[in-house]
Amino acid sequence: MGDTWGDGIRIVGSRSLVTRNVTTGAVGFGLHLLPSASGNVYGGNVARGNAGSLPGCSATNVEFCDEGTGNTSNGDNFLPDRM
């Protein structure tokens, strides 16, 4: 059937550096760290106007979802629903 999540950026692994990306208009989340994601750092990203929704993540937060463990931000992301 294929991928139906439609995330702008989906992180599934560990120890990635996710920087300076822009996601708009995704059917899913702008930035989504799945349960398998751990020890990742994200910074300088912009996610706005996405439509994500998932049990386990805030239904009002359509830009960002972190279901993983030990993921951190360096603080300069623009994820409006995260603030």
PDB file of N, CA and C in Angstrom:
ATOM      1  N   MET A   1       0.827  -1.195   0.000  1.00  0.00           N
ATOM      2  CA  MET A   1       0.000   0.000   0.000  1.00  0.00           C
ATOM      3  C   MET A   1       0.864   1.248   0.000  1.00  0.00           C
ATOM      4  N   GLY A   2       2.070   1.191   0.546  1.00  0.00           N
ATOM      5  CA  GLY A   2       2.940   2.358   0.504  1.00  0.00           C
ATOM      6  C   GLY A   2       2.828   3.218   1.744  1.00  0.00           C
ATOM      7  N   ASP A   3       3.586   4.283   1.751  1.00  0.00           N
ATOM      8  CA  ASP A   3       3.660   5.201   2.885  1.00  0.00           C
ATOM      9  C   ASP A   3       2.454   6.125   2.887  1.00  0.00           C
ATOM     10  N   THR A   4       1.714   6.113   4.000  1.00  0.00           N
ATOM     11  CA  THR A   4       0.546   6.981   4.090  1.00  0.00           C
ATOM     12  C   THR A   4       0.722   8.050   5.156  1.00  0.00           C
ATOM     13  N   TRP A   5       1.891   8.092   5.795  1.00  0.00           N
ATOM     14  CA  TRP A   5       2.103   9.074   6.850  1.00  0.00           C
ATOM     15  C   TRP A   5       2.317  10.461   6.293  1.00  0.00           C
ATOM     16  N   GLY A   6       3.109  10.593   5.264  1.00  0.00           N
ATOM     17  CA  GLY A   6       3.311  11.876   4.621  1.00  0.00           C
ATOM     18  C   GLY A   6       4.066  12.906   5.439  1.00  0.00           C
ATOM     19  N   ASP A   7       4.979  12.470   6.309  1.00  0.00           N
ATOM     20  CA  ASP A   7       5.776  13.418   7.088  1.00  0.00           C
ATOM     21  C   ASP A   7       6.743  14.167   6.184  1.00  0.00           C
ATOM     22  N   GLY A   8       7.025  15.408   6.550  1.00  0.00           N
ATOM     23  CA  GLY A   8       8.027  16.173   5.820  1.00  0.00           C
ATOM     24  C   GLY A   8       9.406  15.553   6.007  1.00  0.00           C
ATOM     25  N   ILE A   9       9.809  15.372   7.267  1.00  0.00           N
ATOM     26  CA  ILE A   9      11.062  14.712   7.614  1.00  0.00           C
ATOM     27  C   ILE A   9      10.741  13.671   8.677  1.00  0.00           C
ATOM     28  N   ARG A  10      11.142  12.434   8.434  1.00  0.00           N
ATOM     29  CA  ARG A  10      10.898  11.350   9.386  1.00  0.00           C
ATOM     30  C   ARG A  10      12.239  10.744   9.779  1.00  0.00           C
ATOM     31  N   ILE A  11      12.526  10.739  11.077  1.00  0.00           N
ATOM     32  CA  ILE A  11      13.773  10.200  11.595  1.00  0.00           C
ATOM     33  C   ILE A  11      13.470   8.870  12.288  1.00  0.00           C
ATOM     34  N   VAL A  12      14.168   7.810  11.888  1.00  0.00           N
ATOM     35  CA  VAL A  12      13.944   6.498  12.478  1.00  0.00           C
ATOM     36  C   VAL A  12      15.194   5.963  13.181  1.00  0.00           C
ATOM     37  N   GLY A  13      16.357   6.501  12.874  1.00  0.00           N
ATOM     38  CA  GLY A  13      17.613   5.973  13.393  1.00  0.00           C
ATOM     39  C   GLY A  13      18.149   6.739  14.580  1.00  0.00           C
ATOM     40  N   SER A  14      19.431   6.525  14.819  1.00  0.00           N
ATOM     41  CA  SER A  14      20.091   7.112  15.983  1.00  0.00           C
ATOM     42  C   SER A  14      21.266   7.982  15.569  1.00  0.00           C
ATOM     43  N   ARG A  15      21.510   8.987  16.421  1.00  0.00           N
ATOM     44  CA  ARG A  15      22.684   9.851  16.320  1.00  0.00           C
ATOM     45  C   ARG A  15      22.793  10.607  14.998  1.00  0.00           C
ATOM     46  N   SER A  16      21.677  11.075  14.494  1.00  0.00           N
ATOM     47  CA  SER A  16      21.665  11.910  13.294  1.00  0.00           C
ATOM     48  C   SER A  16      21.675  13.375  13.690  1.00  0.00           C
ATOM     49  N   LEU A  17      22.202  14.204  12.834  1.00  0.00           N
ATOM     50  CA  LEU A  17      22.158  15.656  12.987  1.00  0.00           C
ATOM     51  C   LEU A  17      21.237  16.177  11.899  1.00  0.00           C
ATOM     52  N   VAL A  18      20.096  16.727  12.295  1.00  0.00           N
ATOM     53  CA  VAL A  18      19.077  17.192  11.357  1.00  0.00           C
ATOM     54  C   VAL A  18      19.040  18.710  11.435  1.00  0.00           C
ATOM     55  N   THR A  19      19.589  19.388  10.428  1.00  0.00           N
ATOM     56  CA  THR A  19      19.711  20.837  10.508  1.00  0.00           C
ATOM     57  C   THR A  19      19.268  21.524   9.224  1.00  0.00           C
ATOM     58  N   ARG A  20      18.749  22.735   9.425  1.00  0.00           N
ATOM     59  CA  ARG A  20      18.433  23.680   8.350  1.00  0.00           C
ATOM     60  C   ARG A  20      17.536  23.113   7.253  1.00  0.00           C
ATOM     61  N   ASN A  21      16.415  22.557   7.684  1.00  0.00           N
ATOM     62  CA  ASN A  21      15.413  22.042   6.756  1.00  0.00           C
ATOM     63  C   ASN A  21      14.142  22.870   6.871  1.00  0.00           C
ATOM     64  N   VAL A  22      13.358  22.890   5.802  1.00  0.00           N
ATOM     65  CA  VAL A  22      12.064  23.567   5.798  1.00  0.00           C
ATOM     66  C   VAL A  22      11.021  22.578   5.313  1.00  0.00           C
ATOM     67  N   THR A  23       9.939  22.429   6.087  1.00  0.00           N
ATOM     68  CA  THR A  23       8.833  21.590   5.650  1.00  0.00           C
ATOM     69  C   THR A  23       7.532  22.373   5.793  1.00  0.00           C
ATOM     70  N   THR A  24       6.764  22.399   4.737  1.00  0.00           N
ATOM     71  CA  THR A  24       5.445  23.036   4.746  1.00  0.00           C
ATOM     72  C   THR A  24       4.491  22.170   3.943  1.00  0.00           C
ATOM     73  N   GLY A  25       3.262  22.141   4.363  1.00  0.00           N
ATOM     74  CA  GLY A  25       2.223  21.462   3.601  1.00  0.00           C
ATOM     75  C   GLY A  25       2.275  19.946   3.609  1.00  0.00           C
ATOM     76  N   ALA A  26       2.995  19.343   4.551  1.00  0.00           N
ATOM     77  CA  ALA A  26       3.029  17.881   4.623  1.00  0.00           C
ATOM     78  C   ALA A  26       1.694  17.358   5.131  1.00  0.00           C
ATOM     79  N   VAL A  27       1.302  16.193   4.652  1.00  0.00           N
ATOM     80  CA  VAL A  27       0.088  15.553   5.121  1.00  0.00           C
ATOM     81  C   VAL A  27       0.276  15.103   6.568  1.00  0.00           C
ATOM     82  N   GLY A  28       1.504  14.726   6.918  1.00  0.00           N
ATOM     83  CA  GLY A  28       1.840  14.331   8.279  1.00  0.00           C
ATOM     84  C   GLY A  28       2.518  15.466   9.025  1.00  0.00           C
ATOM     85  N   PHE A  29       3.449  15.111   9.900  1.00  0.00           N
ATOM     86  CA  PHE A  29       4.191  16.099  10.678  1.00  0.00           C
ATOM     87  C   PHE A  29       5.300  16.733   9.845  1.00  0.00           C
ATOM     88  N   GLY A  30       5.654  17.947  10.183  1.00  0.00           N
ATOM     89  CA  GLY A  30       6.784  18.581   9.528  1.00  0.00           C
ATOM     90  C   GLY A  30       8.081  17.878   9.898  1.00  0.00           C
ATOM     91  N   LEU A  31       8.264  17.593  11.179  1.00  0.00           N
ATOM     92  CA  LEU A  31       9.428  16.876  11.687  1.00  0.00           C
ATOM     93  C   LEU A  31       8.944  15.800  12.652  1.00  0.00           C
ATOM     94  N   HIS A  32       9.235  14.552  12.358  1.00  0.00           N
ATOM     95  CA  HIS A  32       8.710  13.431  13.139  1.00  0.00           C
ATOM     96  C   HIS A  32       9.841  12.477  13.499  1.00  0.00           C
ATOM     97  N   LEU A  33      10.107  12.342  14.793  1.00  0.00           N
ATOM     98  CA  LEU A  33      11.081  11.384  15.290  1.00  0.00           C
ATOM     99  C   LEU A  33      10.304  10.190  15.820  1.00  0.00           C
ATOM    100  N   LEU A  34      10.416   9.050  15.143  1.00  0.00           N
ATOM    101  CA  LEU A  34       9.671   7.853  15.492  1.00  0.00           C
ATOM    102  C   LEU A  34      10.212   7.197  16.759  1.00  0.00           C
ATOM    103  N   PRO A  35       9.475   6.223  17.327  1.00  0.00           N
ATOM    104  CA  PRO A  35       9.913   5.587  18.571  1.00  0.00           C
ATOM    105  C   PRO A  35      11.321   4.998  18.509  1.00  0.00           C
ATOM    106  N   SER A  36      11.770   4.583  17.339  1.00  0.00           N
ATOM    107  CA  SER A  36      13.111   4.021  17.193  1.00  0.00           C
ATOM    108  C   SER A  36      14.201   5.091  17.150  1.00  0.00           C
ATOM    109  N   ALA A  37      13.834   6.354  17.052  1.00  0.00           N
ATOM    110  CA  ALA A  37      14.806   7.451  16.978  1.00  0.00           C
ATOM    111  C   ALA A  37      15.376   7.746  18.359  1.00  0.00           C
ATOM    112  N   SER A  38      16.701   7.768  18.444  1.00  0.00           N
ATOM    113  CA  SER A  38      17.322   8.050  19.741  1.00  0.00           C
ATOM    114  C   SER A  38      18.644   8.778  19.552  1.00  0.00           C
ATOM    115  N   GLY A  39      18.898   9.713  20.457  1.00  0.00           N
ATOM    116  CA  GLY A  39      20.165  10.424  20.451  1.00  0.00           C
ATOM    117  C   GLY A  39      20.372  11.330  19.255  1.00  0.00           C
ATOM    118  N   ASN A  40      19.306  11.782  18.629  1.00  0.00           N
ATOM    119  CA  ASN A  40      19.408  12.687  17.486  1.00  0.00           C
ATOM    120  C   ASN A  40      19.405  14.137  17.961  1.00  0.00           C
ATOM    121  N   VAL A  41      20.001  15.019  17.172  1.00  0.00           N
ATOM    122  CA  VAL A  41      20.000  16.452  17.458  1.00  0.00           C
ATOM    123  C   VAL A  41      19.386  17.149  16.247  1.00  0.00           C
ATOM    124  N   TYR A  42      18.429  18.036  16.502  1.00  0.00           N
ATOM    125  CA  TYR A  42      17.803  18.783  15.417  1.00  0.00           C
ATOM    126  C   TYR A  42      17.923  20.271  15.705  1.00  0.00           C
ATOM    127  N   GLY A  43      18.225  21.061  14.687  1.00  0.00           N
ATOM    128  CA  GLY A  43      18.384  22.499  14.885  1.00  0.00           C
ATOM    129  C   GLY A  43      18.290  23.267  13.590  1.00  0.00           C
ATOM    130  N   GLY A  44      17.828  24.492  13.677  1.00  0.00           N
ATOM    131  CA  GLY A  44      17.718  25.355  12.509  1.00  0.00           C
ATOM    132  C   GLY A  44      16.654  24.919  11.531  1.00  0.00           C
ATOM    133  N   ASN A  45      15.690  24.138  11.994  1.00  0.00           N
ATOM    134  CA  ASN A  45      14.628  23.647  11.122  1.00  0.00           C
ATOM    135  C   ASN A  45      13.388  24.524  11.221  1.00  0.00           C
ATOM    136  N   VAL A  46      12.636  24.591  10.131  1.00  0.00           N
ATOM    137  CA  VAL A  46      11.375  25.314  10.100  1.00  0.00           C
ATOM    138  C   VAL A  46      10.298  24.339   9.649  1.00  0.00           C
ATOM    139  N   ALA A  47       9.239  24.232  10.437  1.00  0.00           N
ATOM    140  CA  ALA A  47       8.094  23.402  10.070  1.00  0.00           C
ATOM    141  C   ALA A  47       6.845  24.224  10.332  1.00  0.00           C
ATOM    142  N   ARG A  48       6.099  24.458   9.272  1.00  0.00           N
ATOM    143  CA  ARG A  48       4.915  25.301   9.405  1.00  0.00           C
ATOM    144  C   ARG A  48       3.876  24.911   8.357  1.00  0.00           C
ATOM    145  N   GLY A  49       2.619  24.854   8.762  1.00  0.00           N
ATOM    146  CA  GLY A  49       1.538  24.565   7.821  1.00  0.00           C
ATOM    147  C   GLY A  49       1.407  23.089   7.471  1.00  0.00           C
ATOM    148  N   ASN A  50       1.855  22.218   8.364  1.00  0.00           N
ATOM    149  CA  ASN A  50       1.722  20.784   8.148  1.00  0.00           C
ATOM    150  C   ASN A  50       0.441  20.295   8.822  1.00  0.00           C
ATOM    151  N   ALA A  51       0.058  19.051   8.589  1.00  0.00           N
ATOM    152  CA  ALA A  51      -1.249  18.584   9.056  1.00  0.00           C
ATOM    153  C   ALA A  51      -1.172  17.356   9.949  1.00  0.00           C
ATOM    154  N   GLY A  52      -0.035  17.108  10.577  1.00  0.00           N
ATOM    155  CA  GLY A  52       0.170  15.883  11.344  1.00  0.00           C
ATOM    156  C   GLY A  52      -0.792  15.687  12.494  1.00  0.00           C
ATOM    157  N   SER A  53      -1.068  14.437  12.787  1.00  0.00           N
ATOM    158  CA  SER A  53      -1.869  14.054  13.934  1.00  0.00           C
ATOM    159  C   SER A  53      -1.589  12.588  14.203  1.00  0.00           C
ATOM    160  N   LEU A  54      -1.350  12.246  15.456  1.00  0.00           N
ATOM    161  CA  LEU A  54      -0.998  10.881  15.791  1.00  0.00           C
ATOM    162  C   LEU A  54      -1.264  10.643  17.261  1.00  0.00           C
ATOM    163  N   PRO A  55      -1.885   9.522  17.608  1.00  0.00           N
ATOM    164  CA  PRO A  55      -2.007   9.206  19.028  1.00  0.00           C
ATOM    165  C   PRO A  55      -0.608   9.148  19.647  1.00  0.00           C
ATOM    166  N   GLY A  56      -0.445   9.702  20.806  1.00  0.00           N
ATOM    167  CA  GLY A  56       0.871   9.732  21.441  1.00  0.00           C
ATOM    168  C   GLY A  56       1.569  11.058  21.263  1.00  0.00           C
ATOM    169  N   CYS A  57       1.170  11.800  20.267  1.00  0.00           N
ATOM    170  CA  CYS A  57       1.661  13.167  20.083  1.00  0.00           C
ATOM    171  C   CYS A  57       0.463  14.092  20.189  1.00  0.00           C
ATOM    172  N   SER A  58       0.712  15.299  20.572  1.00  0.00           N
ATOM    173  CA  SER A  58      -0.371  16.253  20.761  1.00  0.00           C
ATOM    174  C   SER A  58      -1.172  16.439  19.476  1.00  0.00           C
ATOM    175  N   ALA A  59      -2.459  16.314  19.578  1.00  0.00           N
ATOM    176  CA  ALA A  59      -3.320  16.520  18.414  1.00  0.00           C
ATOM    177  C   ALA A  59      -3.279  17.963  17.936  1.00  0.00           C
ATOM    178  N   THR A  60      -2.867  18.885  18.803  1.00  0.00           N
ATOM    179  CA  THR A  60      -2.788  20.285  18.402  1.00  0.00           C
ATOM    180  C   THR A  60      -1.416  20.632  17.841  1.00  0.00           C
ATOM    181  N   ASN A  61      -0.451  19.728  17.945  1.00  0.00           N
ATOM    182  CA  ASN A  61       0.891  19.984  17.430  1.00  0.00           C
ATOM    183  C   ASN A  61       1.049  19.307  16.083  1.00  0.00           C
ATOM    184  N   VAL A  62       0.842  20.021  15.018  1.00  0.00           N
ATOM    185  CA  VAL A  62       0.907  19.456  13.676  1.00  0.00           C
ATOM    186  C   VAL A  62       2.288  19.603  13.041  1.00  0.00           C
ATOM    187  N   GLU A  63       3.183  20.292  13.700  1.00  0.00           N
ATOM    188  CA  GLU A  63       4.500  20.547  13.124  1.00  0.00           C
ATOM    189  C   GLU A  63       5.547  19.547  13.576  1.00  0.00           C
ATOM    190  N   PHE A  64       5.449  19.064  14.808  1.00  0.00           N
ATOM    191  CA  PHE A  64       6.543  18.327  15.411  1.00  0.00           C
ATOM    192  C   PHE A  64       6.024  17.194  16.285  1.00  0.00           C
ATOM    193  N   CYS A  65       6.681  16.028  16.188  1.00  0.00           N
ATOM    194  CA  CYS A  65       6.342  14.901  17.049  1.00  0.00           C
ATOM    195  C   CYS A  65       7.625  14.148  17.383  1.00  0.00           C
ATOM    196  N   ASP A  66       7.952  14.044  18.660  1.00  0.00           N
ATOM    197  CA  ASP A  66       9.125  13.283  19.102  1.00  0.00           C
ATOM    198  C   ASP A  66       8.650  12.118  19.956  1.00  0.00           C
ATOM    199  N   GLU A  67       8.610  10.935  19.364  1.00  0.00           N
ATOM    200  CA  GLU A  67       8.218   9.720  20.073  1.00  0.00           C
ATOM    201  C   GLU A  67       9.444   8.942  20.554  1.00  0.00           C
ATOM    202  N   GLY A  68      10.629   9.397  20.178  1.00  0.00           N
ATOM    203  CA  GLY A  68      11.857   8.680  20.504  1.00  0.00           C
ATOM    204  C   GLY A  68      12.385   9.006  21.888  1.00  0.00           C
ATOM    205  N   THR A  69      13.627   8.621  22.138  1.00  0.00           N
ATOM    206  CA  THR A  69      14.254   8.867  23.433  1.00  0.00           C
ATOM    207  C   THR A  69      15.604   9.549  23.250  1.00  0.00           C
ATOM    208  N   GLY A  70      15.878  10.502  24.126  1.00  0.00           N
ATOM    209  CA  GLY A  70      17.171  11.162  24.127  1.00  0.00           C
ATOM    210  C   GLY A  70      17.445  12.074  22.957  1.00  0.00           C
ATOM    211  N   ASN A  71      16.412  12.492  22.234  1.00  0.00           N
ATOM    212  CA  ASN A  71      16.586  13.442  21.138  1.00  0.00           C
ATOM    213  C   ASN A  71      16.592  14.850  21.713  1.00  0.00           C
ATOM    214  N   THR A  72      17.429  15.720  21.167  1.00  0.00           N
ATOM    215  CA  THR A  72      17.540  17.072  21.703  1.00  0.00           C
ATOM    216  C   THR A  72      17.550  18.111  20.597  1.00  0.00           C
ATOM    217  N   SER A  73      17.194  19.320  20.970  1.00  0.00           N
ATOM    218  CA  SER A  73      17.227  20.454  20.064  1.00  0.00           C
ATOM    219  C   SER A  73      18.295  21.417  20.530  1.00  0.00           C
ATOM    220  N   ASN A  74      18.949  22.066  19.582  1.00  0.00           N
ATOM    221  CA  ASN A  74      19.897  23.098  19.975  1.00  0.00           C
ATOM    222  C   ASN A  74      19.208  24.439  20.151  1.00  0.00           C
ATOM    223  N   GLY A  75      17.866  24.460  20.028  1.00  0.00           N
ATOM    224  CA  GLY A  75      17.087  25.624  20.415  1.00  0.00           C
ATOM    225  C   GLY A  75      16.770  26.639  19.339  1.00  0.00           C
ATOM    226  N   ASP A  76      17.235  26.470  18.117  1.00  0.00           N
ATOM    227  CA  ASP A  76      16.955  27.479  17.105  1.00  0.00           C
ATOM    228  C   ASP A  76      16.010  26.971  16.014  1.00  0.00           C
ATOM    229  N   ASN A  77      15.110  26.072  16.366  1.00  0.00           N
ATOM    230  CA  ASN A  77      14.093  25.593  15.440  1.00  0.00           C
ATOM    231  C   ASN A  77      12.893  26.531  15.454  1.00  0.00           C
ATOM    232  N   PHE A  78      12.177  26.598  14.341  1.00  0.00           N
ATOM    233  CA  PHE A  78      10.911  27.315  14.312  1.00  0.00           C
ATOM    234  C   PHE A  78       9.822  26.281  14.064  1.00  0.00           C
ATOM    235  N   LEU A  79       9.285  25.783  15.166  1.00  0.00           N
ATOM    236  CA  LEU A  79       8.219  24.794  15.145  1.00  0.00           C
ATOM    237  C   LEU A  79       7.068  25.410  15.934  1.00  0.00           C
ATOM    238  N   PRO A  80       6.248  26.241  15.299  1.00  0.00           N
ATOM    239  CA  PRO A  80       5.291  27.083  16.015  1.00  0.00           C
ATOM    240  C   PRO A  80       4.443  26.387  17.068  1.00  0.00           C
ATOM    241  N   ASP A  81       3.978  25.183  16.780  1.00  0.00           N
ATOM    242  CA  ASP A  81       3.127  24.500  17.738  1.00  0.00           C
ATOM    243  C   ASP A  81       3.919  23.922  18.900  1.00  0.00           C
ATOM    244  N   ARG A  82       5.232  23.917  18.805  1.00  0.00           N
ATOM    245  CA  ARG A  82       6.090  23.380  19.851  1.00  0.00           C
ATOM    246  C   ARG A  82       6.320  24.408  20.945  1.00  0.00           C
ATOM    247  N   MET A  83       6.162  25.671  20.639  1.00  0.00           N
ATOM    248  CA  MET A  83       6.488  26.742  21.580  1.00  0.00           C
ATOM    249  C   MET A  83       5.437  26.897  22.646  1.00  0.00           C
TER     250      MET A  83
END
